[in-house]
Amino acid sequence: MLTEFHDAGIGGVEICPIYGAKGYEDRFIDFLSPKWMEMLAHTTTEAKRLGLGVDMTTGTGWPFGGPHVTTNDASAQVNLEHYVVAGGGTLQSALPKGRLQCLMAFSDQGKQIDLTAKVKNGALDWTAPAGQWKLYAMALDGPVQVVKRAGPGGVGSVLDPFSVPALNRYLSYFDKAFAGFTAPMPRSMFHDSYEYYFADGTPNFSANFKNVAVMTCTRNCPPCSTKARRKKSRRSKTTTARRSPICIWLTSRTGRAGRTRTA
């Protein structure tokens, strides 16, 4: 096949493993397995002989993800809730689903308390002081997506696209697979498609957001309540996207919303 491409004047090929053909399961080769790497070595060696380039996606299907992505490293959705608690009372409602990131209390007298550390086993151990209190909670719920069109050996959760540590752990499996690779390396490895649906949060987001917006979770929770976000969404989807905390943070890292800064 590579020879035919060469003879037709095509300058290179792309390797993007996807699901196999039904009925040929006995011929499936798991992604990054020794046998798969052996097949890749043959491909890159032949391509070099023919003067063809070989580009390869960093994973099967799209977007990044697979069987090695843990719950903590998977893409997650932000769940936000707010509550009202009178002085002397306790929180009776359930906290938002997911891993709690922030729980703040604001009084009608302008006081604010970080209650995050007071949550044990999903319940808040706190009695409200005098006054009326509004509580805002933020949690990360994931995984929220699996790899689309995953190939054999590549089925699993989608990676958190906002976490550098998670990405490094994901790429470590490629480092291991290529450690003894002596054939010509692929010309490039790339991200096939940035289709991270519902992913709008990441661990330690509040701390990172503070660095770029001079805001803490205490100041950020009320404007980001679920009710406020839905109201903005009905009014203007563009406005919501450009004002959302995750968008502000990404813009600070890329230089421009929707674009990736290059070196």
C-alpha atoms as a PDB file:
ATOM      1  CA  MET A   1       0.000   0.000   0.000  1.00  0.00           C
ATOM      2  CA  LEU A   2       2.794   2.454   0.843  1.00  0.00           C
ATOM      3  CA  THR A   3       4.392   1.732  -2.521  1.00  0.00           C
ATOM      4  CA  GLU A   4       1.110   2.528  -4.266  1.00  0.00           C
ATOM      5  CA  PHE A   5       0.864   5.823  -2.382  1.00  0.00           C
ATOM      6  CA  HIS A   6       4.415   6.672  -3.370  1.00  0.00           C
ATOM      7  CA  ASP A   7       3.802   5.826  -7.021  1.00  0.00           C
ATOM      8  CA  ALA A   8       0.657   7.983  -7.003  1.00  0.00           C
ATOM      9  CA  GLY A   9       2.665  10.997  -5.793  1.00  0.00           C
ATOM     10  CA  ILE A  10       1.291  11.052  -2.231  1.00  0.00           C
ATOM     11  CA  GLY A  11       3.867  12.416   0.181  1.00  0.00           C
ATOM     12  CA  GLY A  12       2.904  10.653   3.394  1.00  0.00           C
ATOM     13  CA  VAL A  13       0.346   8.851   5.532  1.00  0.00           C
ATOM     14  CA  GLU A  14      -1.456   9.347   8.820  1.00  0.00           C
ATOM     15  CA  ILE A  15      -1.971   6.610  11.395  1.00  0.00           C
ATOM     16  CA  CYS A  16      -5.161   7.035  13.434  1.00  0.00           C
ATOM     17  CA  PRO A  17      -6.310   3.706  14.921  1.00  0.00           C
ATOM     18  CA  ILE A  18     -10.094   3.333  15.246  1.00  0.00           C
ATOM     19  CA  TYR A  19     -12.472   0.469  15.969  1.00  0.00           C
ATOM     20  CA  GLY A  20     -11.877  -2.720  13.981  1.00  0.00           C
ATOM     21  CA  ALA A  21     -14.097  -4.322  11.383  1.00  0.00           C
ATOM     22  CA  LYS A  22     -16.803  -6.620  12.715  1.00  0.00           C
ATOM     23  CA  GLY A  23     -16.035 -10.234  12.024  1.00  0.00           C
ATOM     24  CA  TYR A  24     -12.279  -9.781  12.076  1.00  0.00           C
ATOM     25  CA  GLU A  25     -11.770  -9.607  15.834  1.00  0.00           C
ATOM     26  CA  ASP A  26      -9.136 -12.336  15.667  1.00  0.00           C
ATOM     27  CA  ARG A  27      -6.926  -9.922  13.730  1.00  0.00           C
ATOM     28  CA  PHE A  28      -7.209  -7.020  16.155  1.00  0.00           C
ATOM     29  CA  ILE A  29      -3.922  -5.721  17.613  1.00  0.00           C
ATOM     30  CA  ASP A  30      -4.049  -3.717  20.857  1.00  0.00           C
ATOM     31  CA  PHE A  31      -2.735  -0.181  20.614  1.00  0.00           C
ATOM     32  CA  LEU A  32       0.886   0.252  21.783  1.00  0.00           C
ATOM     33  CA  SER A  33       1.241  -3.472  22.482  1.00  0.00           C
ATOM     34  CA  PRO A  34       4.552  -5.086  21.452  1.00  0.00           C
ATOM     35  CA  LYS A  35       2.901  -6.492  18.320  1.00  0.00           C
ATOM     36  CA  TRP A  36       1.432  -3.078  17.457  1.00  0.00           C
ATOM     37  CA  MET A  37       4.827  -1.430  17.886  1.00  0.00           C
ATOM     38  CA  GLU A  38       6.347  -4.114  15.650  1.00  0.00           C
ATOM     39  CA  MET A  39       3.823  -3.248  12.930  1.00  0.00           C
ATOM     40  CA  LEU A  40       4.557   0.461  13.389  1.00  0.00           C
ATOM     41  CA  ALA A  41       8.291  -0.178  13.036  1.00  0.00           C
ATOM     42  CA  HIS A  42       7.700  -1.966   9.736  1.00  0.00           C
ATOM     43  CA  THR A  43       5.540   0.935   8.522  1.00  0.00           C
ATOM     44  CA  THR A  44       7.999   3.700   9.397  1.00  0.00           C
ATOM     45  CA  THR A  45      10.932   1.721   7.994  1.00  0.00           C
ATOM     46  CA  GLU A  46       9.193   1.185   4.664  1.00  0.00           C
ATOM     47  CA  ALA A  47       7.991   4.777   4.579  1.00  0.00           C
ATOM     48  CA  LYS A  48      11.534   6.051   5.056  1.00  0.00           C
ATOM     49  CA  ARG A  49      12.757   3.818   2.239  1.00  0.00           C
ATOM     50  CA  LEU A  50      10.104   5.293  -0.043  1.00  0.00           C
ATOM     51  CA  GLY A  51      10.607   8.864   1.128  1.00  0.00           C
ATOM     52  CA  LEU A  52       7.162   9.111   2.732  1.00  0.00           C
ATOM     53  CA  GLY A  53       6.286  10.906   5.937  1.00  0.00           C
ATOM     54  CA  VAL A  54       4.349   9.144   8.712  1.00  0.00           C
ATOM     55  CA  ASP A  55       2.234  11.138  11.154  1.00  0.00           C
ATOM     56  CA  MET A  56       0.508   9.505  14.123  1.00  0.00           C
ATOM     57  CA  THR A  57      -2.271  10.541  16.486  1.00  0.00           C
ATOM     58  CA  THR A  58      -1.378  10.343  20.165  1.00  0.00           C
ATOM     59  CA  GLY A  59      -4.074   7.817  20.966  1.00  0.00           C
ATOM     60  CA  THR A  60      -6.843   5.902  19.241  1.00  0.00           C
ATOM     61  CA  GLY A  61      -9.993   7.617  18.019  1.00  0.00           C
ATOM     62  CA  TRP A  62     -10.469  11.033  19.578  1.00  0.00           C
ATOM     63  CA  PRO A  63      -9.907  12.990  21.748  1.00  0.00           C
ATOM     64  CA  PHE A  64      -7.037  11.903  24.032  1.00  0.00           C
ATOM     65  CA  GLY A  65      -7.940   9.085  26.400  1.00  0.00           C
ATOM     66  CA  GLY A  66      -7.864   5.351  26.933  1.00  0.00           C
ATOM     67  CA  PRO A  67      -7.752   2.527  29.480  1.00  0.00           C
ATOM     68  CA  HIS A  68      -4.958   4.088  31.544  1.00  0.00           C
ATOM     69  CA  VAL A  69      -6.873   7.304  32.286  1.00  0.00           C
ATOM     70  CA  THR A  70      -8.014   7.183  35.916  1.00  0.00           C
ATOM     71  CA  THR A  71     -11.051   8.922  37.360  1.00  0.00           C
ATOM     72  CA  ASN A  72      -8.878  11.714  38.751  1.00  0.00           C
ATOM     73  CA  ASP A  73      -7.207  12.250  35.362  1.00  0.00           C
ATOM     74  CA  ALA A  74     -10.420  12.066  33.324  1.00  0.00           C
ATOM     75  CA  SER A  75     -12.352  15.016  31.910  1.00  0.00           C
ATOM     76  CA  ALA A  76     -14.900  16.361  34.373  1.00  0.00           C
ATOM     77  CA  GLN A  77     -17.952  18.580  34.510  1.00  0.00           C
ATOM     78  CA  VAL A  78     -18.462  21.327  37.071  1.00  0.00           C
ATOM     79  CA  ASN A  79     -21.596  20.978  39.194  1.00  0.00           C
ATOM     80  CA  LEU A  80     -22.636  24.108  41.066  1.00  0.00           C
ATOM     81  CA  GLU A  81     -25.324  24.556  43.695  1.00  0.00           C
ATOM     82  CA  HIS A  82     -26.336  27.286  46.120  1.00  0.00           C
ATOM     83  CA  TYR A  83     -28.320  27.141  49.355  1.00  0.00           C
ATOM     84  CA  VAL A  84     -29.816  29.439  51.992  1.00  0.00           C
ATOM     85  CA  VAL A  85     -29.276  28.665  55.684  1.00  0.00           C
ATOM     86  CA  ALA A  86     -30.647  30.726  58.550  1.00  0.00           C
ATOM     87  CA  GLY A  87     -28.636  31.433  61.702  1.00  0.00           C
ATOM     88  CA  GLY A  88     -28.629  28.443  64.035  1.00  0.00           C
ATOM     89  CA  GLY A  89     -29.527  26.089  61.202  1.00  0.00           C
ATOM     90  CA  THR A  90     -27.618  23.459  59.279  1.00  0.00           C
ATOM     91  CA  LEU A  91     -27.482  22.476  55.631  1.00  0.00           C
ATOM     92  CA  GLN A  92     -30.185  19.892  54.950  1.00  0.00           C
ATOM     93  CA  SER A  93     -29.813  19.590  51.182  1.00  0.00           C
ATOM     94  CA  ALA A  94     -27.361  17.323  49.397  1.00  0.00           C
ATOM     95  CA  LEU A  95     -24.139  18.763  48.054  1.00  0.00           C
ATOM     96  CA  PRO A  96     -23.580  18.673  44.287  1.00  0.00           C
ATOM     97  CA  LYS A  97     -22.590  15.358  42.745  1.00  0.00           C
ATOM     98  CA  GLY A  98     -18.880  14.794  42.324  1.00  0.00           C
ATOM     99  CA  ARG A  99     -15.630  15.585  44.085  1.00  0.00           C
ATOM    100  CA  LEU A 100     -16.141  18.736  46.163  1.00  0.00           C
ATOM    101  CA  GLN A 101     -13.759  21.555  45.228  1.00  0.00           C
ATOM    102  CA  CYS A 102     -15.194  24.483  47.093  1.00  0.00           C
ATOM    103  CA  LEU A 103     -17.946  25.309  49.608  1.00  0.00           C
ATOM    104  CA  MET A 104     -18.242  28.952  50.673  1.00  0.00           C
ATOM    105  CA  ALA A 105     -20.680  30.714  52.996  1.00  0.00           C
ATOM    106  CA  PHE A 106     -21.624  34.413  52.701  1.00  0.00           C
ATOM    107  CA  SER A 107     -23.675  36.228  55.335  1.00  0.00           C
ATOM    108  CA  ASP A 108     -26.038  39.165  54.933  1.00  0.00           C
ATOM    109  CA  GLN A 109     -23.509  41.115  57.019  1.00  0.00           C
ATOM    110  CA  GLY A 110     -20.725  40.667  54.499  1.00  0.00           C
ATOM    111  CA  LYS A 111     -18.909  37.850  56.283  1.00  0.00           C
ATOM    112  CA  GLN A 112     -17.541  34.869  54.379  1.00  0.00           C
ATOM    113  CA  ILE A 113     -16.361  31.450  55.543  1.00  0.00           C
ATOM    114  CA  ASP A 114     -14.603  28.666  53.693  1.00  0.00           C
ATOM    115  CA  LEU A 115     -16.501  25.518  54.682  1.00  0.00           C
ATOM    116  CA  THR A 116     -14.752  23.095  52.336  1.00  0.00           C
ATOM    117  CA  ALA A 117     -12.735  21.403  55.098  1.00  0.00           C
ATOM    118  CA  LYS A 118     -15.880  20.919  57.195  1.00  0.00           C
ATOM    119  CA  VAL A 119     -17.371  18.435  54.738  1.00  0.00           C
ATOM    120  CA  LYS A 120     -16.920  14.812  55.799  1.00  0.00           C
ATOM    121  CA  ASN A 121     -18.329  11.834  53.905  1.00  0.00           C
ATOM    122  CA  GLY A 122     -20.455  14.121  51.759  1.00  0.00           C
ATOM    123  CA  ALA A 123     -22.102  15.958  54.683  1.00  0.00           C
ATOM    124  CA  LEU A 124     -21.426  19.444  56.038  1.00  0.00           C
ATOM    125  CA  ASP A 125     -20.681  19.605  59.767  1.00  0.00           C
ATOM    126  CA  TRP A 126     -21.480  23.270  60.422  1.00  0.00           C
ATOM    127  CA  THR A 127     -24.088  25.318  62.262  1.00  0.00           C
ATOM    128  CA  ALA A 128     -24.716  28.742  60.813  1.00  0.00           C
ATOM    129  CA  PRO A 129     -23.909  31.734  63.061  1.00  0.00           C
ATOM    130  CA  ALA A 130     -26.487  34.486  63.495  1.00  0.00           C
ATOM    131  CA  GLY A 131     -27.866  36.028  60.329  1.00  0.00           C
ATOM    132  CA  GLN A 132     -28.861  34.769  56.882  1.00  0.00           C
ATOM    133  CA  TRP A 133     -26.272  32.768  54.972  1.00  0.00           C
ATOM    134  CA  LYS A 134     -25.916  31.861  51.327  1.00  0.00           C
ATOM    135  CA  LEU A 135     -23.777  28.840  50.554  1.00  0.00           C
ATOM    136  CA  TYR A 136     -22.178  28.112  47.191  1.00  0.00           C
ATOM    137  CA  ALA A 137     -20.725  24.702  46.346  1.00  0.00           C
ATOM    138  CA  MET A 138     -18.637  23.555  43.403  1.00  0.00           C
ATOM    139  CA  ALA A 139     -17.847  19.919  42.600  1.00  0.00           C
ATOM    140  CA  LEU A 140     -16.158  18.061  39.756  1.00  0.00           C
ATOM    141  CA  ASP A 141     -18.067  15.116  38.361  1.00  0.00           C
ATOM    142  CA  GLY A 142     -16.284  12.717  36.059  1.00  0.00           C
ATOM    143  CA  PRO A 143     -15.494  10.898  33.931  1.00  0.00           C
ATOM    144  CA  VAL A 144     -18.008  12.521  31.592  1.00  0.00           C
ATOM    145  CA  GLN A 145     -16.883  11.089  28.259  1.00  0.00           C
ATOM    146  CA  VAL A 146     -15.288   8.023  26.697  1.00  0.00           C
ATOM    147  CA  VAL A 147     -12.993   8.003  23.678  1.00  0.00           C
ATOM    148  CA  LYS A 148     -14.928   8.216  20.421  1.00  0.00           C
ATOM    149  CA  ARG A 149     -14.218   5.594  17.745  1.00  0.00           C
ATOM    150  CA  ALA A 150     -11.610   4.000  20.004  1.00  0.00           C
ATOM    151  CA  GLY A 151      -9.444   1.291  18.481  1.00  0.00           C
ATOM    152  CA  PRO A 152      -8.570  -2.064  20.069  1.00  0.00           C
ATOM    153  CA  GLY A 153      -6.675  -1.455  23.294  1.00  0.00           C
ATOM    154  CA  GLY A 154      -7.732   2.198  23.337  1.00  0.00           C
ATOM    155  CA  VAL A 155     -11.164   2.095  24.968  1.00  0.00           C
ATOM    156  CA  GLY A 156     -11.457   4.230  28.091  1.00  0.00           C
ATOM    157  CA  SER A 157     -12.184   7.612  29.620  1.00  0.00           C
ATOM    158  CA  VAL A 158     -11.266  10.876  27.926  1.00  0.00           C
ATOM    159  CA  LEU A 159      -8.352  12.784  29.451  1.00  0.00           C
ATOM    160  CA  ASP A 160      -8.734  16.031  31.403  1.00  0.00           C
ATOM    161  CA  PRO A 161      -7.674  18.556  28.731  1.00  0.00           C
ATOM    162  CA  PHE A 162      -6.800  21.264  31.252  1.00  0.00           C
ATOM    163  CA  SER A 163      -4.378  19.333  33.481  1.00  0.00           C
ATOM    164  CA  VAL A 164      -0.666  19.239  32.648  1.00  0.00           C
ATOM    165  CA  PRO A 165       0.063  16.530  35.271  1.00  0.00           C
ATOM    166  CA  ALA A 166      -2.724  14.363  33.826  1.00  0.00           C
ATOM    167  CA  LEU A 167      -1.315  14.835  30.325  1.00  0.00           C
ATOM    168  CA  ASN A 168       2.168  13.896  31.493  1.00  0.00           C
ATOM    169  CA  ARG A 169       0.839  10.693  33.046  1.00  0.00           C
ATOM    170  CA  TYR A 170      -1.023   9.922  29.835  1.00  0.00           C
ATOM    171  CA  LEU A 171       2.067  10.476  27.690  1.00  0.00           C
ATOM    172  CA  SER A 172       4.194   8.292  29.963  1.00  0.00           C
ATOM    173  CA  TYR A 173       2.574   5.221  28.404  1.00  0.00           C
ATOM    174  CA  PHE A 174       3.846   6.352  25.017  1.00  0.00           C
ATOM    175  CA  ASP A 175       7.320   6.879  26.492  1.00  0.00           C
ATOM    176  CA  LYS A 176       7.240   3.313  27.774  1.00  0.00           C
ATOM    177  CA  ALA A 177       6.013   1.871  24.467  1.00  0.00           C
ATOM    178  CA  PHE A 178       8.661   3.737  22.447  1.00  0.00           C
ATOM    179  CA  ALA A 179      11.512   3.101  24.900  1.00  0.00           C
ATOM    180  CA  GLY A 180      13.003   0.276  22.839  1.00  0.00           C
ATOM    181  CA  PHE A 181      11.855   1.514  19.451  1.00  0.00           C
ATOM    182  CA  THR A 182      14.802   1.406  17.044  1.00  0.00           C
ATOM    183  CA  ALA A 183      12.946   2.015  13.771  1.00  0.00           C
ATOM    184  CA  PRO A 184      12.482   5.537  12.333  1.00  0.00           C
ATOM    185  CA  MET A 185      10.198   7.596  14.547  1.00  0.00           C
ATOM    186  CA  PRO A 186       6.942   9.011  13.191  1.00  0.00           C
ATOM    187  CA  ARG A 187       7.456  12.439  11.639  1.00  0.00           C
ATOM    188  CA  SER A 188       4.972  13.962  14.078  1.00  0.00           C
ATOM    189  CA  MET A 189       2.419  13.010  16.714  1.00  0.00           C
ATOM    190  CA  PHE A 190      -0.643  15.170  17.099  1.00  0.00           C
ATOM    191  CA  HIS A 191      -4.115  15.705  18.545  1.00  0.00           C
ATOM    192  CA  ASP A 192      -6.738  14.534  16.069  1.00  0.00           C
ATOM    193  CA  SER A 193      -9.786  16.442  17.345  1.00  0.00           C
ATOM    194  CA  TYR A 194     -10.477  18.674  20.348  1.00  0.00           C
ATOM    195  CA  GLU A 195     -13.928  17.257  21.111  1.00  0.00           C
ATOM    196  CA  TYR A 196     -14.003  17.461  24.904  1.00  0.00           C
ATOM    197  CA  TYR A 197     -17.742  17.556  25.519  1.00  0.00           C
ATOM    198  CA  PHE A 198     -19.016  18.765  28.920  1.00  0.00           C
ATOM    199  CA  ALA A 199     -15.467  19.266  30.224  1.00  0.00           C
ATOM    200  CA  ASP A 200     -15.465  22.631  31.996  1.00  0.00           C
ATOM    201  CA  GLY A 201     -13.413  22.035  35.124  1.00  0.00           C
ATOM    202  CA  THR A 202     -10.194  20.547  36.449  1.00  0.00           C
ATOM    203  CA  PRO A 203      -8.658  19.865  39.895  1.00  0.00           C
ATOM    204  CA  ASN A 204      -6.963  22.908  41.453  1.00  0.00           C
ATOM    205  CA  PHE A 205      -8.803  25.132  39.010  1.00  0.00           C
ATOM    206  CA  SER A 206      -9.586  27.724  41.697  1.00  0.00           C
ATOM    207  CA  ALA A 207      -5.908  28.178  42.537  1.00  0.00           C
ATOM    208  CA  ASN A 208      -4.943  28.480  38.877  1.00  0.00           C
ATOM    209  CA  PHE A 209      -7.801  30.861  38.141  1.00  0.00           C
ATOM    210  CA  LYS A 210      -6.708  33.066  41.031  1.00  0.00           C
ATOM    211  CA  ASN A 211      -3.322  33.525  39.361  1.00  0.00           C
ATOM    212  CA  VAL A 212      -4.828  34.980  36.198  1.00  0.00           C
ATOM    213  CA  ALA A 213      -7.921  36.768  37.449  1.00  0.00           C
ATOM    214  CA  VAL A 214      -6.868  37.841  40.951  1.00  0.00           C
ATOM    215  CA  MET A 215      -9.937  36.030  42.221  1.00  0.00           C
ATOM    216  CA  THR A 216     -10.366  33.258  44.738  1.00  0.00           C
ATOM    217  CA  CYS A 217     -13.050  30.648  45.006  1.00  0.00           C
ATOM    218  CA  THR A 218     -14.734  32.863  47.602  1.00  0.00           C
ATOM    219  CA  ARG A 219     -15.336  35.606  45.049  1.00  0.00           C
ATOM    220  CA  ASN A 220     -15.977  33.327  42.129  1.00  0.00           C
ATOM    221  CA  CYS A 221     -18.665  30.994  43.463  1.00  0.00           C
ATOM    222  CA  PRO A 222     -21.772  33.263  43.422  1.00  0.00           C
ATOM    223  CA  PRO A 223     -21.522  34.452  39.793  1.00  0.00           C
ATOM    224  CA  CYS A 224     -20.976  30.849  38.708  1.00  0.00           C
ATOM    225  CA  SER A 225     -24.092  29.389  40.296  1.00  0.00           C
ATOM    226  CA  THR A 226     -26.053  27.027  38.075  1.00  0.00           C
ATOM    227  CA  LYS A 227     -28.987  29.436  37.985  1.00  0.00           C
ATOM    228  CA  ALA A 228     -26.774  32.347  36.945  1.00  0.00           C
ATOM    229  CA  ARG A 229     -25.078  30.324  34.230  1.00  0.00           C
ATOM    230  CA  ARG A 230     -28.411  29.171  32.778  1.00  0.00           C
ATOM    231  CA  LYS A 231     -29.742  32.728  32.775  1.00  0.00           C
ATOM    232  CA  LYS A 232     -26.668  33.986  30.923  1.00  0.00           C
ATOM    233  CA  SER A 233     -26.862  31.085  28.515  1.00  0.00           C
ATOM    234  CA  ARG A 234     -30.418  31.990  27.506  1.00  0.00           C
ATOM    235  CA  ARG A 235     -29.418  35.606  26.974  1.00  0.00           C
ATOM    236  CA  SER A 236     -26.231  35.116  25.013  1.00  0.00           C
ATOM    237  CA  LYS A 237     -24.245  31.950  24.440  1.00  0.00           C
ATOM    238  CA  THR A 238     -21.281  33.997  23.255  1.00  0.00           C
ATOM    239  CA  THR A 239     -21.298  36.159  26.378  1.00  0.00           C
ATOM    240  CA  THR A 240     -21.468  33.079  28.599  1.00  0.00           C
ATOM    241  CA  ALA A 241     -18.516  31.441  26.895  1.00  0.00           C
ATOM    242  CA  ARG A 242     -16.327  34.524  26.980  1.00  0.00           C
ATOM    243  CA  ARG A 243     -17.105  35.281  30.638  1.00  0.00           C
ATOM    244  CA  SER A 244     -16.903  31.753  32.020  1.00  0.00           C
ATOM    245  CA  PRO A 245     -13.976  31.136  34.393  1.00  0.00           C
ATOM    246  CA  ILE A 246     -12.593  28.244  32.349  1.00  0.00           C
ATOM    247  CA  CYS A 247     -12.596  30.429  29.230  1.00  0.00           C
ATOM    248  CA  ILE A 248     -10.808  33.278  31.020  1.00  0.00           C
ATOM    249  CA  TRP A 249      -8.187  30.848  32.316  1.00  0.00           C
ATOM    250  CA  LEU A 250      -7.669  29.211  28.909  1.00  0.00           C
ATOM    251  CA  THR A 251      -7.403  32.600  27.243  1.00  0.00           C
ATOM    252  CA  SER A 252      -4.629  33.551  29.675  1.00  0.00           C
ATOM    253  CA  ARG A 253      -2.709  30.385  28.743  1.00  0.00           C
ATOM    254  CA  THR A 254      -3.186  30.553  24.978  1.00  0.00           C
ATOM    255  CA  GLY A 255      -3.126  34.291  24.368  1.00  0.00           C
ATOM    256  CA  ARG A 256      -6.497  34.279  22.596  1.00  0.00           C
ATOM    257  CA  ALA A 257      -9.747  32.396  23.115  1.00  0.00           C
ATOM    258  CA  GLY A 258      -9.966  29.396  20.838  1.00  0.00           C
ATOM    259  CA  ARG A 259      -6.370  29.661  19.615  1.00  0.00           C
ATOM    260  CA  THR A 260      -3.257  27.855  20.800  1.00  0.00           C
ATOM    261  CA  ARG A 261      -0.155  29.911  21.419  1.00  0.00           C
ATOM    262  CA  THR A 262       2.835  28.564  19.519  1.00  0.00           C
ATOM    263  CA  ALA A 263       6.476  28.983  20.414  1.00  0.00           C
END
